[in-house]
C-alpha atoms as a PDB file:
ATOM      1  CA  UNK A   1      91.274 112.231 106.442  1.00  0.00           C
ATOM      2  CA  UNK A   2      92.030 109.994 109.425  1.00  0.00           C
ATOM      3  CA  UNK A   3      93.636 106.502 108.422  1.00  0.00           C
ATOM      4  CA  UNK A   4      94.120 103.626 110.754  1.00  0.00           C
ATOM      5  CA  UNK A   5      96.774 101.211 109.403  1.00  0.00           C
ATOM      6  CA  UNK A   6      97.863  97.819 110.325  1.00  0.00           C
ATOM      7  CA  UNK A   7     100.667  96.168 108.829  1.00  0.00           C
ATOM      8  CA  UNK A   8     102.125  92.654 109.768  1.00  0.00           C
ATOM      9  CA  UNK A   9     104.867  90.939 108.150  1.00  0.00           C
ATOM     10  CA  UNK A  10     105.748  87.425 108.940  1.00  0.00           C
ATOM     11  CA  UNK A  11     108.996  85.600 107.947  1.00  0.00           C
ATOM     12  CA  UNK A  12     109.029  81.536 108.104  1.00  0.00           C
ATOM     13  CA  UNK A  13     112.463  79.717 107.942  1.00  0.00           C
ATOM     14  CA  UNK A  14     112.632  76.194 106.866  1.00  0.00           C
ATOM     15  CA  UNK A  15     115.235  75.659 109.600  1.00  0.00           C
ATOM     16  CA  UNK A  16     116.558  77.597 112.507  1.00  0.00           C
ATOM     17  CA  UNK A  17     118.155  80.680 112.044  1.00  0.00           C
ATOM     18  CA  UNK A  18     121.699  81.099 113.078  1.00  0.00           C
ATOM     19  CA  UNK A  19     121.970  84.681 112.473  1.00  0.00           C
ATOM     20  CA  UNK A  20     119.689  87.535 110.805  1.00  0.00           C
ATOM     21  CA  UNK A  21     119.263  91.310 110.791  1.00  0.00           C
ATOM     22  CA  UNK A  22     116.544  93.055 109.276  1.00  0.00           C
ATOM     23  CA  UNK A  23     116.420  96.790 107.974  1.00  0.00           C
ATOM     24  CA  UNK A  24     112.769  98.197 108.403  1.00  0.00           C
ATOM     25  CA  UNK A  25     111.652 101.188 106.784  1.00  0.00           C
ATOM     26  CA  UNK A  26     108.012 101.163 108.262  1.00  0.00           C
ATOM     27  CA  UNK A  27     107.589 104.435 109.926  1.00  0.00           C
ATOM     28  CA  UNK A  28     105.283 106.806 108.196  1.00  0.00           C
ATOM     29  CA  UNK A  29     107.142 110.271 107.569  1.00  0.00           C
ATOM     30  CA  UNK A  30     105.849 113.578 109.286  1.00  0.00           C
ATOM     31  CA  UNK A  31     105.634 115.695 106.110  1.00  0.00           C
ATOM     32  CA  UNK A  32     103.398 118.102 103.781  1.00  0.00           C
ATOM     33  CA  UNK A  33      99.629 117.038 104.131  1.00  0.00           C
ATOM     34  CA  UNK A  34     100.584 114.239 106.481  1.00  0.00           C
ATOM     35  CA  UNK A  35     100.525 114.301 110.130  1.00  0.00           C
ATOM     36  CA  UNK A  36     101.496 111.122 112.179  1.00  0.00           C
ATOM     37  CA  UNK A  37      99.052 110.784 115.561  1.00  0.00           C
ATOM     38  CA  UNK A  38     100.662 107.565 116.624  1.00  0.00           C
ATOM     39  CA  UNK A  39     102.628 104.741 115.391  1.00  0.00           C
ATOM     40  CA  UNK A  40     103.888 101.315 117.328  1.00  0.00           C
ATOM     41  CA  UNK A  41     105.947  98.428 116.118  1.00  0.00           C
ATOM     42  CA  UNK A  42     106.021  95.170 117.932  1.00  0.00           C
ATOM     43  CA  UNK A  43     108.282  92.117 117.282  1.00  0.00           C
ATOM     44  CA  UNK A  44     107.987  88.338 117.843  1.00  0.00           C
ATOM     45  CA  UNK A  45     111.357  86.408 118.118  1.00  0.00           C
ATOM     46  CA  UNK A  46     113.297  89.563 117.063  1.00  0.00           C
ATOM     47  CA  UNK A  47     114.938  92.554 119.000  1.00  0.00           C
ATOM     48  CA  UNK A  48     115.134  96.208 118.106  1.00  0.00           C
ATOM     49  CA  UNK A  49     118.882  97.082 118.011  1.00  0.00           C
ATOM     50  CA  UNK A  50     118.886 100.809 116.621  1.00  0.00           C
ATOM     51  CA  UNK A  51     116.984 103.307 114.951  1.00  0.00           C
ATOM     52  CA  UNK A  52     118.112 105.969 112.846  1.00  0.00           C
ATOM     53  CA  UNK A  53     117.320 108.623 109.978  1.00  0.00           C
ATOM     54  CA  UNK A  54     118.760 107.647 106.645  1.00  0.00           C
ATOM     55  CA  UNK A  55     119.836 109.933 103.926  1.00  0.00           C
ATOM     56  CA  UNK A  56     116.516 110.136 102.533  1.00  0.00           C
ATOM     57  CA  UNK A  57     114.866 111.119 105.875  1.00  0.00           C
ATOM     58  CA  UNK A  58     113.321 107.729 106.235  1.00  0.00           C
ATOM     59  CA  UNK A  59     113.129 106.250 109.688  1.00  0.00           C
ATOM     60  CA  UNK A  60     115.038 103.169 109.739  1.00  0.00           C
ATOM     61  CA  UNK A  61     114.921 100.382 112.289  1.00  0.00           C
ATOM     62  CA  UNK A  62     117.511  97.328 112.454  1.00  0.00           C
ATOM     63  CA  UNK A  63     116.180  94.705 114.213  1.00  0.00           C
ATOM     64  CA  UNK A  64     118.055  91.246 115.202  1.00  0.00           C
ATOM     65  CA  UNK A  65     116.273  87.679 114.873  1.00  0.00           C
ATOM     66  CA  UNK A  66     116.696  85.738 117.879  1.00  0.00           C
ATOM     67  CA  UNK A  67     119.194  82.687 117.189  1.00  0.00           C
ATOM     68  CA  UNK A  68     117.101  79.392 116.757  1.00  0.00           C
ATOM     69  CA  UNK A  69     114.222  81.266 115.434  1.00  0.00           C
ATOM     70  CA  UNK A  70     111.888  79.471 112.876  1.00  0.00           C
ATOM     71  CA  UNK A  71     109.341  82.274 112.467  1.00  0.00           C
ATOM     72  CA  UNK A  72     109.590  86.223 112.830  1.00  0.00           C
ATOM     73  CA  UNK A  73     106.631  88.703 112.967  1.00  0.00           C
ATOM     74  CA  UNK A  74     106.927  92.521 112.636  1.00  0.00           C
ATOM     75  CA  UNK A  75     103.682  94.167 113.406  1.00  0.00           C
ATOM     76  CA  UNK A  76     102.951  97.980 112.710  1.00  0.00           C
ATOM     77  CA  UNK A  77      99.763  99.769 113.750  1.00  0.00           C
ATOM     78  CA  UNK A  78      98.976 103.649 114.080  1.00  0.00           C
ATOM     79  CA  UNK A  79      96.720 106.668 113.051  1.00  0.00           C
ATOM     80  CA  UNK A  80      97.839 109.264 110.457  1.00  0.00           C
ATOM     81  CA  UNK A  81      95.917 112.400 109.289  1.00  0.00           C
ATOM     82  CA  UNK A  82      96.254 113.439 105.633  1.00  0.00           C
ATOM     83  CA  UNK A  83      94.834 115.877 103.540  1.00  0.00           C
ATOM     84  CA  UNK A  84      94.628 116.305  99.617  1.00  0.00           C
ATOM     85  CA  UNK A  85      97.540 118.553  98.430  1.00  0.00           C
ATOM     86  CA  UNK A  86      97.289 117.477  94.586  1.00  0.00           C
ATOM     87  CA  UNK A  87     100.259 115.236  95.063  1.00  0.00           C
ATOM     88  CA  UNK A  88     102.742 118.418  95.834  1.00  0.00           C
ATOM     89  CA  UNK A  89     105.104 117.534  98.355  1.00  0.00           C
ATOM     90  CA  UNK A  90     106.788 120.821  98.095  1.00  0.00           C
ATOM     91  CA  UNK A  91     110.333 121.941  98.532  1.00  0.00           C
ATOM     92  CA  UNK A  92     113.404 119.477  98.495  1.00  0.00           C
ATOM     93  CA  UNK A  93     114.736 118.210 101.959  1.00  0.00           C
ATOM     94  CA  UNK A  94     116.813 115.323 102.715  1.00  0.00           C
ATOM     95  CA  UNK A  95     120.773 114.898 102.943  1.00  0.00           C
ATOM     96  CA  UNK A  96     121.385 114.158  99.369  1.00  0.00           C
ATOM     97  CA  UNK A  97     121.381 117.081  96.778  1.00  0.00           C
ATOM     98  CA  UNK A  98     118.665 117.397  93.905  1.00  0.00           C
ATOM     99  CA  UNK A  99     121.106 116.429  91.486  1.00  0.00           C
ATOM    100  CA  UNK A 100     121.603 112.740  92.897  1.00  0.00           C
ATOM    101  CA  UNK A 101     118.040 111.967  91.657  1.00  0.00           C
ATOM    102  CA  UNK A 102     118.894 112.528  87.962  1.00  0.00           C
ATOM    103  CA  UNK A 103     121.226 109.690  88.147  1.00  0.00           C
ATOM    104  CA  UNK A 104     120.027 106.330  86.848  1.00  0.00           C
ATOM    105  CA  UNK A 105     120.200 103.359  89.203  1.00  0.00           C
ATOM    106  CA  UNK A 106     120.432  99.453  88.032  1.00  0.00           C
ATOM    107  CA  UNK A 107     116.663  99.355  88.492  1.00  0.00           C
ATOM    108  CA  UNK A 108     115.797 102.296  86.710  1.00  0.00           C
ATOM    109  CA  UNK A 109     118.000 102.373  83.963  1.00  0.00           C
ATOM    110  CA  UNK A 110     116.399 102.481  80.374  1.00  0.00           C
ATOM    111  CA  UNK A 111     117.256  99.971  77.670  1.00  0.00           C
ATOM    112  CA  UNK A 112     116.465  99.734  74.204  1.00  0.00           C
ATOM    113  CA  UNK A 113     112.880  99.617  74.303  1.00  0.00           C
ATOM    114  CA  UNK A 114     112.522 102.338  77.061  1.00  0.00           C
ATOM    115  CA  UNK A 115     114.911 104.616  75.018  1.00  0.00           C
ATOM    116  CA  UNK A 116     112.614 104.768  72.100  1.00  0.00           C
ATOM    117  CA  UNK A 117     109.551 105.179  74.373  1.00  0.00           C
ATOM    118  CA  UNK A 118     111.551 108.397  75.723  1.00  0.00           C
ATOM    119  CA  UNK A 119     112.697 109.528  72.433  1.00  0.00           C
ATOM    120  CA  UNK A 120     108.969 109.446  71.138  1.00  0.00           C
ATOM    121  CA  UNK A 121     108.022 111.054  74.255  1.00  0.00           C
ATOM    122  CA  UNK A 122     110.489 113.984  73.785  1.00  0.00           C
ATOM    123  CA  UNK A 123     108.452 114.687  70.554  1.00  0.00           C
ATOM    124  CA  UNK A 124     105.336 115.901  72.698  1.00  0.00           C
ATOM    125  CA  UNK A 125     104.617 119.646  72.876  1.00  0.00           C
ATOM    126  CA  UNK A 126     104.002 119.013  76.598  1.00  0.00           C
ATOM    127  CA  UNK A 127     106.304 120.690  79.135  1.00  0.00           C
ATOM    128  CA  UNK A 128     106.785 120.404  83.012  1.00  0.00           C
ATOM    129  CA  UNK A 129     103.816 119.248  84.729  1.00  0.00           C
ATOM    130  CA  UNK A 130     102.026 118.335  81.730  1.00  0.00           C
ATOM    131  CA  UNK A 131     104.839 116.397  80.309  1.00  0.00           C
ATOM    132  CA  UNK A 132     105.010 114.085  83.455  1.00  0.00           C
ATOM    133  CA  UNK A 133     101.229 113.395  83.393  1.00  0.00           C
ATOM    134  CA  UNK A 134     101.610 112.609  79.858  1.00  0.00           C
ATOM    135  CA  UNK A 135     104.248 109.955  80.881  1.00  0.00           C
ATOM    136  CA  UNK A 136     102.507 108.821  83.513  1.00  0.00           C
ATOM    137  CA  UNK A 137      99.568 107.950  81.179  1.00  0.00           C
ATOM    138  CA  UNK A 138     101.649 106.490  78.497  1.00  0.00           C
ATOM    139  CA  UNK A 139     103.634 104.306  80.983  1.00  0.00           C
ATOM    140  CA  UNK A 140     100.303 102.625  82.004  1.00  0.00           C
ATOM    141  CA  UNK A 141      99.435 102.549  78.365  1.00  0.00           C
ATOM    142  CA  UNK A 142     102.370 100.551  77.506  1.00  0.00           C
ATOM    143  CA  UNK A 143     102.595  98.317  80.654  1.00  0.00           C
ATOM    144  CA  UNK A 144      99.710  96.536  81.843  1.00  0.00           C
ATOM    145  CA  UNK A 145      98.966  96.413  85.659  1.00  0.00           C
ATOM    146  CA  UNK A 146      99.439  92.423  86.076  1.00  0.00           C
ATOM    147  CA  UNK A 147      99.551  90.807  89.801  1.00  0.00           C
ATOM    148  CA  UNK A 148     102.361  88.292  90.003  1.00  0.00           C
ATOM    149  CA  UNK A 149     104.224  89.337  86.725  1.00  0.00           C
ATOM    150  CA  UNK A 150     107.250  90.695  88.126  1.00  0.00           C
ATOM    151  CA  UNK A 151     109.373  90.257  91.347  1.00  0.00           C
ATOM    152  CA  UNK A 152     111.335  92.843  93.534  1.00  0.00           C
ATOM    153  CA  UNK A 153     114.496  92.368  91.448  1.00  0.00           C
ATOM    154  CA  UNK A 154     112.741  93.141  88.137  1.00  0.00           C
ATOM    155  CA  UNK A 155     114.345  96.138  86.291  1.00  0.00           C
ATOM    156  CA  UNK A 156     112.403  98.979  84.543  1.00  0.00           C
ATOM    157  CA  UNK A 157     113.485  97.756  81.269  1.00  0.00           C
ATOM    158  CA  UNK A 158     112.701  94.011  81.781  1.00  0.00           C
ATOM    159  CA  UNK A 159     108.899  95.025  83.102  1.00  0.00           C
ATOM    160  CA  UNK A 160     108.729  97.558  79.717  1.00  0.00           C
ATOM    161  CA  UNK A 161     109.912  94.642  77.647  1.00  0.00           C
ATOM    162  CA  UNK A 162     107.267  92.131  79.086  1.00  0.00           C
ATOM    163  CA  UNK A 163     104.376  94.864  78.800  1.00  0.00           C
ATOM    164  CA  UNK A 164     103.438  93.884  82.453  1.00  0.00           C
ATOM    165  CA  UNK A 165     104.207  94.787  85.913  1.00  0.00           C
ATOM    166  CA  UNK A 166     102.785  96.302  89.194  1.00  0.00           C
ATOM    167  CA  UNK A 167     103.036  99.593  90.952  1.00  0.00           C
ATOM    168  CA  UNK A 168     107.046  99.186  91.714  1.00  0.00           C
ATOM    169  CA  UNK A 169     107.397  98.437  88.084  1.00  0.00           C
ATOM    170  CA  UNK A 170     105.339 101.549  86.990  1.00  0.00           C
ATOM    171  CA  UNK A 171     107.292 103.906  89.224  1.00  0.00           C
ATOM    172  CA  UNK A 172     110.899 102.710  88.001  1.00  0.00           C
ATOM    173  CA  UNK A 173     109.696 103.114  84.457  1.00  0.00           C
ATOM    174  CA  UNK A 174     108.273 106.658  85.192  1.00  0.00           C
ATOM    175  CA  UNK A 175     111.309 107.457  87.342  1.00  0.00           C
ATOM    176  CA  UNK A 176     113.999 106.044  84.417  1.00  0.00           C
ATOM    177  CA  UNK A 177     112.077 108.241  81.831  1.00  0.00           C
ATOM    178  CA  UNK A 178     111.962 111.497  83.847  1.00  0.00           C
ATOM    179  CA  UNK A 179     115.654 111.355  84.764  1.00  0.00           C
ATOM    180  CA  UNK A 180     116.421 110.725  80.996  1.00  0.00           C
ATOM    181  CA  UNK A 181     114.725 114.005  80.229  1.00  0.00           C
ATOM    182  CA  UNK A 182     116.694 115.735  83.008  1.00  0.00           C
ATOM    183  CA  UNK A 183     114.017 115.822  85.590  1.00  0.00           C
ATOM    184  CA  UNK A 184     114.842 114.641  89.130  1.00  0.00           C
ATOM    185  CA  UNK A 185     112.578 111.858  90.106  1.00  0.00           C
ATOM    186  CA  UNK A 186     112.316 109.325  93.212  1.00  0.00           C
ATOM    187  CA  UNK A 187     110.522 106.163  94.478  1.00  0.00           C
ATOM    188  CA  UNK A 188     108.049 106.389  97.270  1.00  0.00           C
ATOM    189  CA  UNK A 189     106.637 103.401  99.107  1.00  0.00           C
ATOM    190  CA  UNK A 190     103.499 103.687 101.683  1.00  0.00           C
ATOM    191  CA  UNK A 191     100.071 102.956 102.017  1.00  0.00           C
ATOM    192  CA  UNK A 192      96.964 103.714 100.045  1.00  0.00           C
ATOM    193  CA  UNK A 193      93.288 103.199 101.319  1.00  0.00           C
ATOM    194  CA  UNK A 194      91.433 101.241  98.639  1.00  0.00           C
ATOM    195  CA  UNK A 195      87.887 102.173  97.904  1.00  0.00           C
ATOM    196  CA  UNK A 196      86.565  98.814  97.423  1.00  0.00           C
ATOM    197  CA  UNK A 197      88.451  96.725 100.464  1.00  0.00           C
ATOM    198  CA  UNK A 198      90.257  97.265 103.796  1.00  0.00           C
ATOM    199  CA  UNK A 199      92.615  94.442 103.806  1.00  0.00           C
ATOM    200  CA  UNK A 200      95.503  94.054 101.081  1.00  0.00           C
ATOM    201  CA  UNK A 201      98.027  91.698 100.420  1.00  0.00           C
ATOM    202  CA  UNK A 202     100.995  94.491  99.792  1.00  0.00           C
ATOM    203  CA  UNK A 203     102.061  98.084 100.395  1.00  0.00           C
ATOM    204  CA  UNK A 204     101.591 100.318  97.545  1.00  0.00           C
ATOM    205  CA  UNK A 205     104.397 102.341  95.459  1.00  0.00           C
ATOM    206  CA  UNK A 206     104.402 105.490  93.386  1.00  0.00           C
ATOM    207  CA  UNK A 207     106.832 108.117  92.127  1.00  0.00           C
ATOM    208  CA  UNK A 208     107.625 111.801  92.651  1.00  0.00           C
ATOM    209  CA  UNK A 209     109.491 114.258  90.268  1.00  0.00           C
ATOM    210  CA  UNK A 210     110.798 117.553  90.884  1.00  0.00           C
ATOM    211  CA  UNK A 211     108.876 120.644  89.236  1.00  0.00           C
ATOM    212  CA  UNK A 212     110.258 123.936  89.092  1.00  0.00           C
ATOM    213  CA  UNK A 213     107.819 126.371  91.290  1.00  0.00           C
ATOM    214  CA  UNK A 214     106.047 123.345  92.998  1.00  0.00           C
ATOM    215  CA  UNK A 215     108.794 121.146  94.131  1.00  0.00           C
ATOM    216  CA  UNK A 216     108.259 117.271  94.463  1.00  0.00           C
ATOM    217  CA  UNK A 217     104.971 116.181  93.064  1.00  0.00           C
ATOM    218  CA  UNK A 218     103.582 112.591  93.294  1.00  0.00           C
ATOM    219  CA  UNK A 219     102.506 110.392  90.522  1.00  0.00           C
ATOM    220  CA  UNK A 220     100.571 107.110  91.052  1.00  0.00           C
ATOM    221  CA  UNK A 221     101.089 105.679  87.470  1.00  0.00           C
ATOM    222  CA  UNK A 222      99.121 102.414  88.455  1.00  0.00           C
ATOM    223  CA  UNK A 223      96.007 104.096  89.288  1.00  0.00           C
ATOM    224  CA  UNK A 224      96.541 107.237  86.913  1.00  0.00           C
ATOM    225  CA  UNK A 225      96.430 109.850  89.609  1.00  0.00           C
ATOM    226  CA  UNK A 226      98.349 112.111  91.920  1.00  0.00           C
ATOM    227  CA  UNK A 227      98.262 111.179  95.404  1.00  0.00           C
ATOM    228  CA  UNK A 228      95.479 112.327  97.380  1.00  0.00           C
ATOM    229  CA  UNK A 229      94.321 112.151 100.856  1.00  0.00           C
ATOM    230  CA  UNK A 230      94.065 108.249 100.778  1.00  0.00           C
ATOM    231  CA  UNK A 231      97.681 107.857 100.496  1.00  0.00           C
ATOM    232  CA  UNK A 232     100.390 107.675 103.427  1.00  0.00           C
ATOM    233  CA  UNK A 233     104.207 108.558 102.281  1.00  0.00           C
ATOM    234  CA  UNK A 234     106.559 106.041 104.448  1.00  0.00           C
ATOM    235  CA  UNK A 235     109.818 106.061 102.577  1.00  0.00           C
ATOM    236  CA  UNK A 236     111.547 107.563  99.607  1.00  0.00           C
ATOM    237  CA  UNK A 237     114.429 106.716  97.749  1.00  0.00           C
ATOM    238  CA  UNK A 238     116.190 106.609  94.405  1.00  0.00           C
ATOM    239  CA  UNK A 239     114.688 103.200  93.554  1.00  0.00           C
ATOM    240  CA  UNK A 240     112.884 100.279  95.466  1.00  0.00           C
ATOM    241  CA  UNK A 241     116.067  99.280  97.192  1.00  0.00           C
ATOM    242  CA  UNK A 242     116.109 102.471  99.096  1.00  0.00           C
ATOM    243  CA  UNK A 243     112.581 102.490 100.190  1.00  0.00           C
ATOM    244  CA  UNK A 244     111.792  98.806 100.642  1.00  0.00           C
ATOM    245  CA  UNK A 245     109.809  98.290 103.608  1.00  0.00           C
ATOM    246  CA  UNK A 246     112.054  95.126 104.797  1.00  0.00           C
ATOM    247  CA  UNK A 247     115.364  94.269 103.552  1.00  0.00           C
ATOM    248  CA  UNK A 248     117.853  91.847 105.534  1.00  0.00           C
ATOM    249  CA  UNK A 249     120.581  89.000 105.646  1.00  0.00           C
ATOM    250  CA  UNK A 250     120.592  85.622 107.438  1.00  0.00           C
ATOM    251  CA  UNK A 251     123.219  83.240 107.801  1.00  0.00           C
ATOM    252  CA  UNK A 252     122.596  79.657 108.300  1.00  0.00           C
ATOM    253  CA  UNK A 253     121.439  78.305 104.844  1.00  0.00           C
ATOM    254  CA  UNK A 254     117.771  78.702 105.835  1.00  0.00           C
ATOM    255  CA  UNK A 255     115.225  79.594 102.943  1.00  0.00           C
ATOM    256  CA  UNK A 256     112.552  82.031 103.980  1.00  0.00           C
ATOM    257  CA  UNK A 257     108.871  82.467 103.051  1.00  0.00           C
ATOM    258  CA  UNK A 258     107.441  85.905 103.544  1.00  0.00           C
ATOM    259  CA  UNK A 259     103.691  86.922 104.109  1.00  0.00           C
ATOM    260  CA  UNK A 260     102.504  90.234 104.250  1.00  0.00           C
ATOM    261  CA  UNK A 261      98.959  91.527 105.575  1.00  0.00           C
ATOM    262  CA  UNK A 262      97.946  95.372 105.470  1.00  0.00           C
ATOM    263  CA  UNK A 263      94.705  96.996 106.360  1.00  0.00           C
ATOM    264  CA  UNK A 264      94.135 100.631 105.709  1.00  0.00           C
ATOM    265  CA  UNK A 265      90.506 102.166 106.722  1.00  0.00           C
ATOM    266  CA  UNK A 266      89.142 105.462 107.488  1.00  0.00           C
ATOM    267  CA  UNK A 267      88.647 106.491 111.020  1.00  0.00           C
ATOM    268  CA  UNK A 268      85.609 108.961 111.977  1.00  0.00           C
ATOM    269  CA  UNK A 269      87.138 112.228 113.599  1.00  0.00           C
ATOM    270  CA  UNK A 270      85.316 113.320 116.721  1.00  0.00           C
ATOM    271  CA  UNK A 271      84.378 116.888 116.790  1.00  0.00           C
END
């Protein structure tokens, strides 16, 4: 499947910026079932300083905001060819050892509610891939998908206790539970072509777990499926903070408002 993607991020500051740096993880990965045909990034009121590959093999771009700017725009667009691999990415790669994905982070660490949930799950007869699919189903059963119910700093335990969250929260709960059962797990940010619309207000997120004999396998908990040809992987990490599309710092006591526009649509391939 050939997917055409446009992703625009706008920052509006309430006063001129003195100094600001932004870390961007917006370039899709060249990986199993995914070929990047073309990809470009354009900036208004910002200058690209450096591009490098981080410890998770994420293409990372550092941009400096022009001094005095009150608005910054980062526009990405390109085409990606994808195929349905039933969510299987395969062997482990990257600069971090597999065991590093067993360690909990602040955002994935289970609290009392999640620990009981995990204890009950361990009573299941399911093993391996079947256990992970059961974890995905039961996470969605416990935590409803509710837009606006959480924010980027919300932890897995906080979302679990509130019984509401979005794809980021579902992924963190799944990751925290998998790690508690000694299964390596990681966070994925990327794009999803929706069946009912082209324009979206955010990127998407899901989780991957390492299964013996298969390698890394994806689970979109919010939609109850493993990623197929409609998905584009962009960045991976131990939690959202490692894979966030845009993070940064600014000096000058300015407050910022963030707007995101995403469009993902299928393109016809010329024979």
